[in-house]
Amino acid sequence: MTYWTSRWAGYAAIGWTLLYVASKVHFAVEGRIGVTGGPRVAAAAYRDYGPGEVAQAQWANAGSGLLIVLLIVISLLPVRRRLPRVALLVLLWACVVMAGAGAVGMLGGVAFTERGGAIFGGYCAVWAALLMIAAFGFQRRTRPARVPLVELGDPR
C-alpha cells in the first residue's frame, strides 16, 4: 500500500464519517430513532425513551462520529508525532471494528430477517474498508525504526 493511497483513504473516511454525522444530526433535529438507510424502527421503540431522550441519543451518536473524524485527522497531521502511537492505533482499529460490526449486523439482518437496513449495511462496509486502509497506512507510516540485529561471532 502506498503512502498516497492510505492518505486518500483517510480523507475519504473523514468525508464518509461526516455523512454519518449529518444523518445523525438530521434524525436528532426530527427526534427520530434510526439512521438513513437503516432498518425500519417500530413505533413501540419510542416508548423506551422519555421526552427529548431520542434527540439526546442521536446528538451523542453525532458526537461519536465527530470523535472518529478527529482521530482520523490527528493520524494524518504532524501533531501525531507528539501523541502515543499505540493509543492512537488502538483507537483507529476500534473504529474499524465498530464499522465492521455495523456492516455485519446490518447485512446479516437483511439476509436473515425482513427488517431492512441494506443501504446502511453497505455504507458501514465501505466505512470499515476506508477506516482499515487509513489505519494500516498510519501503522506503516509511524512504524518505529528497526534496529539491526548484531550477529554474535565466535569469541575465540
C-alpha atoms as a PDB file:
ATOM      1  CA  MET A   1       0.000   0.000   0.000  1.00  0.00           C
ATOM      2  CA  THR A   2       1.386   3.350  -0.950  1.00  0.00           C
ATOM      3  CA  TYR A   3       1.584   6.420   1.231  1.00  0.00           C
ATOM      4  CA  TRP A   4      -0.748   8.263  -1.143  1.00  0.00           C
ATOM      5  CA  THR A   5      -3.412   5.527  -1.041  1.00  0.00           C
ATOM      6  CA  SER A   6      -3.622   5.470   2.739  1.00  0.00           C
ATOM      7  CA  ARG A   7      -3.828   9.264   2.969  1.00  0.00           C
ATOM      8  CA  TRP A   8      -6.550   9.316   0.285  1.00  0.00           C
ATOM      9  CA  ALA A   9      -8.437   6.648   2.251  1.00  0.00           C
ATOM     10  CA  GLY A  10      -8.078   8.769   5.386  1.00  0.00           C
ATOM     11  CA  TYR A  11      -9.593  11.792   3.678  1.00  0.00           C
ATOM     12  CA  ALA A  12     -12.353   9.641   2.178  1.00  0.00           C
ATOM     13  CA  ALA A  13     -13.047   8.149   5.631  1.00  0.00           C
ATOM     14  CA  ILE A  14     -13.401  11.665   7.025  1.00  0.00           C
ATOM     15  CA  GLY A  15     -15.986  12.524   4.368  1.00  0.00           C
ATOM     16  CA  TRP A  16     -17.765   9.194   4.817  1.00  0.00           C
ATOM     17  CA  THR A  17     -17.916   9.712   8.590  1.00  0.00           C
ATOM     18  CA  LEU A  18     -19.267  13.232   8.142  1.00  0.00           C
ATOM     19  CA  LEU A  19     -22.152  11.745   6.134  1.00  0.00           C
ATOM     20  CA  TYR A  20     -22.951   9.603   9.194  1.00  0.00           C
ATOM     21  CA  VAL A  21     -22.764  12.693  11.418  1.00  0.00           C
ATOM     22  CA  ALA A  22     -25.101  14.598   9.090  1.00  0.00           C
ATOM     23  CA  SER A  23     -27.587  11.712   9.199  1.00  0.00           C
ATOM     24  CA  LYS A  24     -27.488  11.664  12.997  1.00  0.00           C
ATOM     25  CA  VAL A  25     -27.951  15.435  13.222  1.00  0.00           C
ATOM     26  CA  HIS A  26     -30.923  15.188  10.854  1.00  0.00           C
ATOM     27  CA  PHE A  27     -32.512  12.458  12.973  1.00  0.00           C
ATOM     28  CA  ALA A  28     -31.771  14.378  16.199  1.00  0.00           C
ATOM     29  CA  VAL A  29     -33.491  17.507  14.892  1.00  0.00           C
ATOM     30  CA  GLU A  30     -36.515  15.434  13.869  1.00  0.00           C
ATOM     31  CA  GLY A  31     -36.467  13.426  17.125  1.00  0.00           C
ATOM     32  CA  ARG A  32     -36.372  10.122  15.241  1.00  0.00           C
ATOM     33  CA  ILE A  33     -34.693   6.828  16.070  1.00  0.00           C
ATOM     34  CA  GLY A  34     -32.539   5.155  13.429  1.00  0.00           C
ATOM     35  CA  VAL A  35     -30.185   6.116  10.658  1.00  0.00           C
ATOM     36  CA  THR A  36     -30.547   6.910   6.976  1.00  0.00           C
ATOM     37  CA  GLY A  37     -30.794   3.628   5.067  1.00  0.00           C
ATOM     38  CA  GLY A  38     -31.138   1.671   8.282  1.00  0.00           C
ATOM     39  CA  PRO A  39     -33.816  -0.790   9.331  1.00  0.00           C
ATOM     40  CA  ARG A  40     -37.361   0.322   9.933  1.00  0.00           C
ATOM     41  CA  VAL A  41     -37.948   1.342  13.538  1.00  0.00           C
ATOM     42  CA  ALA A  42     -41.175   0.183  15.146  1.00  0.00           C
ATOM     43  CA  ALA A  43     -43.321   2.802  16.859  1.00  0.00           C
ATOM     44  CA  ALA A  44     -43.084   0.750  20.062  1.00  0.00           C
ATOM     45  CA  ALA A  45     -39.349   1.531  20.257  1.00  0.00           C
ATOM     46  CA  TYR A  46     -40.153   5.150  21.117  1.00  0.00           C
ATOM     47  CA  ARG A  47     -41.854   4.078  24.365  1.00  0.00           C
ATOM     48  CA  ASP A  48     -38.457   3.240  25.857  1.00  0.00           C
ATOM     49  CA  TYR A  49     -37.410   6.897  25.637  1.00  0.00           C
ATOM     50  CA  GLY A  50     -38.544   9.855  27.703  1.00  0.00           C
ATOM     51  CA  PRO A  51     -39.228  13.338  26.320  1.00  0.00           C
ATOM     52  CA  GLY A  52     -36.187  14.573  24.422  1.00  0.00           C
ATOM     53  CA  GLU A  53     -34.142  11.415  25.002  1.00  0.00           C
ATOM     54  CA  VAL A  54     -34.294  10.310  21.367  1.00  0.00           C
ATOM     55  CA  ALA A  55     -32.732  13.590  20.266  1.00  0.00           C
ATOM     56  CA  GLN A  56     -30.110  13.347  23.037  1.00  0.00           C
ATOM     57  CA  ALA A  57     -29.160   9.849  21.903  1.00  0.00           C
ATOM     58  CA  GLN A  58     -28.854  10.989  18.301  1.00  0.00           C
ATOM     59  CA  TRP A  59     -26.747  14.019  19.293  1.00  0.00           C
ATOM     60  CA  ALA A  60     -24.465  11.654  21.241  1.00  0.00           C
ATOM     61  CA  ASN A  61     -24.124   9.480  18.134  1.00  0.00           C
ATOM     62  CA  ALA A  62     -23.249  12.562  16.077  1.00  0.00           C
ATOM     63  CA  GLY A  63     -20.627  13.448  18.688  1.00  0.00           C
ATOM     64  CA  SER A  64     -19.176   9.944  18.410  1.00  0.00           C
ATOM     65  CA  GLY A  65     -18.884  10.420  14.672  1.00  0.00           C
ATOM     66  CA  LEU A  66     -17.070  13.720  15.187  1.00  0.00           C
ATOM     67  CA  LEU A  67     -14.676  11.959  17.562  1.00  0.00           C
ATOM     68  CA  ILE A  68     -13.887   9.444  14.801  1.00  0.00           C
ATOM     69  CA  VAL A  69     -13.238  12.344  12.401  1.00  0.00           C
ATOM     70  CA  LEU A  70     -10.884  13.897  14.964  1.00  0.00           C
ATOM     71  CA  LEU A  71      -8.942  10.628  15.328  1.00  0.00           C
ATOM     72  CA  ILE A  72      -8.504  10.342  11.567  1.00  0.00           C
ATOM     73  CA  VAL A  73      -7.450  13.977  11.249  1.00  0.00           C
ATOM     74  CA  ILE A  74      -4.895  13.538  14.029  1.00  0.00           C
ATOM     75  CA  SER A  75      -3.499  10.440  12.299  1.00  0.00           C
ATOM     76  CA  LEU A  76      -2.919  12.496   9.142  1.00  0.00           C
ATOM     77  CA  LEU A  77      -1.326  15.573  10.722  1.00  0.00           C
ATOM     78  CA  PRO A  78       2.220  16.043  12.047  1.00  0.00           C
ATOM     79  CA  VAL A  79       0.783  16.514  15.564  1.00  0.00           C
ATOM     80  CA  ARG A  80       0.535  12.703  15.742  1.00  0.00           C
ATOM     81  CA  ARG A  81       4.277  12.553  16.460  1.00  0.00           C
ATOM     82  CA  ARG A  82       3.671  14.028  19.905  1.00  0.00           C
ATOM     83  CA  LEU A  83       0.968  11.510  20.803  1.00  0.00           C
ATOM     84  CA  PRO A  84       1.366   7.917  21.956  1.00  0.00           C
ATOM     85  CA  ARG A  85       1.423   5.855  18.749  1.00  0.00           C
ATOM     86  CA  VAL A  86      -0.049   2.717  20.307  1.00  0.00           C
ATOM     87  CA  ALA A  87      -3.007   4.573  21.835  1.00  0.00           C
ATOM     88  CA  LEU A  88      -3.927   6.165  18.509  1.00  0.00           C
ATOM     89  CA  LEU A  89      -3.531   2.823  16.729  1.00  0.00           C
ATOM     90  CA  VAL A  90      -5.839   1.101  19.224  1.00  0.00           C
ATOM     91  CA  LEU A  91      -8.469   3.816  18.785  1.00  0.00           C
ATOM     92  CA  LEU A  92      -8.256   3.696  14.985  1.00  0.00           C
ATOM     93  CA  TRP A  93      -8.587  -0.091  14.938  1.00  0.00           C
ATOM     94  CA  ALA A  94     -11.513   0.143  17.386  1.00  0.00           C
ATOM     95  CA  CYS A  95     -13.235   2.379  14.806  1.00  0.00           C
ATOM     96  CA  VAL A  96     -12.574  -0.247  12.116  1.00  0.00           C
ATOM     97  CA  VAL A  97     -14.096  -2.957  14.320  1.00  0.00           C
ATOM     98  CA  MET A  98     -17.126  -0.771  15.119  1.00  0.00           C
ATOM     99  CA  ALA A  99     -17.852  -0.058  11.454  1.00  0.00           C
ATOM    100  CA  GLY A 100     -17.226  -3.687  10.529  1.00  0.00           C
ATOM    101  CA  ALA A 101     -19.612  -4.875  13.242  1.00  0.00           C
ATOM    102  CA  GLY A 102     -22.229  -2.460  11.914  1.00  0.00           C
ATOM    103  CA  ALA A 103     -21.803  -3.883   8.423  1.00  0.00           C
ATOM    104  CA  VAL A 104     -22.056  -7.487   9.596  1.00  0.00           C
ATOM    105  CA  GLY A 105     -25.040  -6.734  11.830  1.00  0.00           C
ATOM    106  CA  MET A 106     -26.969  -4.774   9.244  1.00  0.00           C
ATOM    107  CA  LEU A 107     -26.218  -7.014   6.272  1.00  0.00           C
ATOM    108  CA  GLY A 108     -26.781 -10.140   8.382  1.00  0.00           C
ATOM    109  CA  GLY A 109     -30.114  -8.736   9.485  1.00  0.00           C
ATOM    110  CA  VAL A 110     -31.075  -8.120   5.882  1.00  0.00           C
ATOM    111  CA  ALA A 111     -30.067 -11.642   4.877  1.00  0.00           C
ATOM    112  CA  PHE A 112     -31.832 -13.456   7.722  1.00  0.00           C
ATOM    113  CA  THR A 113     -34.746 -11.183   8.656  1.00  0.00           C
ATOM    114  CA  GLU A 114     -37.105  -8.775   6.952  1.00  0.00           C
ATOM    115  CA  ARG A 115     -36.146  -5.718   8.987  1.00  0.00           C
ATOM    116  CA  GLY A 116     -34.264  -3.902   6.196  1.00  0.00           C
ATOM    117  CA  GLY A 117     -31.118  -1.826   6.508  1.00  0.00           C
ATOM    118  CA  ALA A 118     -29.172  -2.979   3.443  1.00  0.00           C
ATOM    119  CA  ILE A 119     -28.215   0.557   2.465  1.00  0.00           C
ATOM    120  CA  PHE A 120     -26.737   1.353   5.862  1.00  0.00           C
ATOM    121  CA  GLY A 121     -25.092  -2.088   5.964  1.00  0.00           C
ATOM    122  CA  GLY A 122     -23.363  -1.379   2.674  1.00  0.00           C
ATOM    123  CA  TYR A 123     -22.442   2.082   3.927  1.00  0.00           C
ATOM    124  CA  CYS A 124     -20.845   0.505   7.021  1.00  0.00           C
ATOM    125  CA  ALA A 125     -18.907  -1.981   4.855  1.00  0.00           C
ATOM    126  CA  VAL A 126     -17.399   0.854   2.800  1.00  0.00           C
ATOM    127  CA  TRP A 127     -16.759   2.834   6.003  1.00  0.00           C
ATOM    128  CA  ALA A 128     -14.922  -0.120   7.569  1.00  0.00           C
ATOM    129  CA  ALA A 129     -12.796  -0.589   4.437  1.00  0.00           C
ATOM    130  CA  LEU A 130     -11.809   3.096   4.315  1.00  0.00           C
ATOM    131  CA  LEU A 131     -11.008   3.137   8.019  1.00  0.00           C
ATOM    132  CA  MET A 132      -8.974  -0.052   7.683  1.00  0.00           C
ATOM    133  CA  ILE A 133      -6.850   1.314   4.828  1.00  0.00           C
ATOM    134  CA  ALA A 134      -6.314   4.553   6.766  1.00  0.00           C
ATOM    135  CA  ALA A 135      -5.375   2.645   9.941  1.00  0.00           C
ATOM    136  CA  PHE A 136      -2.938   0.393   8.031  1.00  0.00           C
ATOM    137  CA  GLY A 137      -1.405   3.477   6.459  1.00  0.00           C
ATOM    138  CA  PHE A 138      -0.967   5.175   9.823  1.00  0.00           C
ATOM    139  CA  GLN A 139       0.502   1.989  11.247  1.00  0.00           C
ATOM    140  CA  ARG A 140       3.030   1.747   8.411  1.00  0.00           C
ATOM    141  CA  ARG A 141       3.906   5.469   8.352  1.00  0.00           C
ATOM    142  CA  THR A 142       4.625   5.560  12.061  1.00  0.00           C
ATOM    143  CA  ARG A 143       6.381   2.211  12.405  1.00  0.00           C
ATOM    144  CA  PRO A 144       9.371   2.531  14.744  1.00  0.00           C
ATOM    145  CA  ALA A 145      12.763   2.236  13.113  1.00  0.00           C
ATOM    146  CA  ARG A 146      14.137  -1.270  13.086  1.00  0.00           C
ATOM    147  CA  VAL A 147      17.371  -1.870  14.901  1.00  0.00           C
ATOM    148  CA  PRO A 148      19.540  -4.375  13.037  1.00  0.00           C
ATOM    149  CA  LEU A 149      20.415  -7.470  14.941  1.00  0.00           C
ATOM    150  CA  VAL A 150      24.105  -7.873  15.578  1.00  0.00           C
ATOM    151  CA  GLU A 151      25.396 -11.293  14.748  1.00  0.00           C
ATOM    152  CA  LEU A 152      27.314 -12.870  17.549  1.00  0.00           C
ATOM    153  CA  GLY A 153      30.636 -14.133  16.289  1.00  0.00           C
ATOM    154  CA  ASP A 154      32.878 -16.812  17.730  1.00  0.00           C
ATOM    155  CA  PRO A 155      34.608 -15.270  20.762  1.00  0.00           C
ATOM    156  CA  ARG A 156      37.939 -17.072  20.011  1.00  0.00           C
END
